[in-house]
Amino acid sequence: LIRVGSQDRTVHPWFSRRMYRTLLSEGAKDVTLTELPGKEHWWWDTAKPNDGGAVNDPEIRNFLKRVLDKEKSPSSLRWRSVVFGSVGGTLRHGLRVRALARPERRAEVSVEL
């Protein structure tokens, strides 16, 4: 899910559109771009607390529910991560990449449990 306000002056919507096109051209199947008319980088547009705005509205809640429900399914035991440049941090399920054979390059980790 990619969301951007059409009036965003912090990160121009062009970058979100470009990322969306790139993901599709690389074969991404489950990617959505939502450009919200008249919104800037951050917005809060509801009178009801904790319901609305940039990070908490029905679209975000539905997306999170769908993604988190997928995590519980058996298919979550097969996944792929891509690491760029220097390594560090945890990928998923506690897996760490400590070193790359060719430092400062792209590396892919595919896991099937």
Foldseek 3Di string as FASTA:
>chain_A
DAEAECAEPVDHCVVVVVVQVVCVVVPDDDDDYYYHYPDYHWDAPDPDPQEDIDQHHVVNVVVVVVVVVVCPDLCVQWDKDKDAAQFDDADPPRDGDHDDPDHRGIDMDIGHD
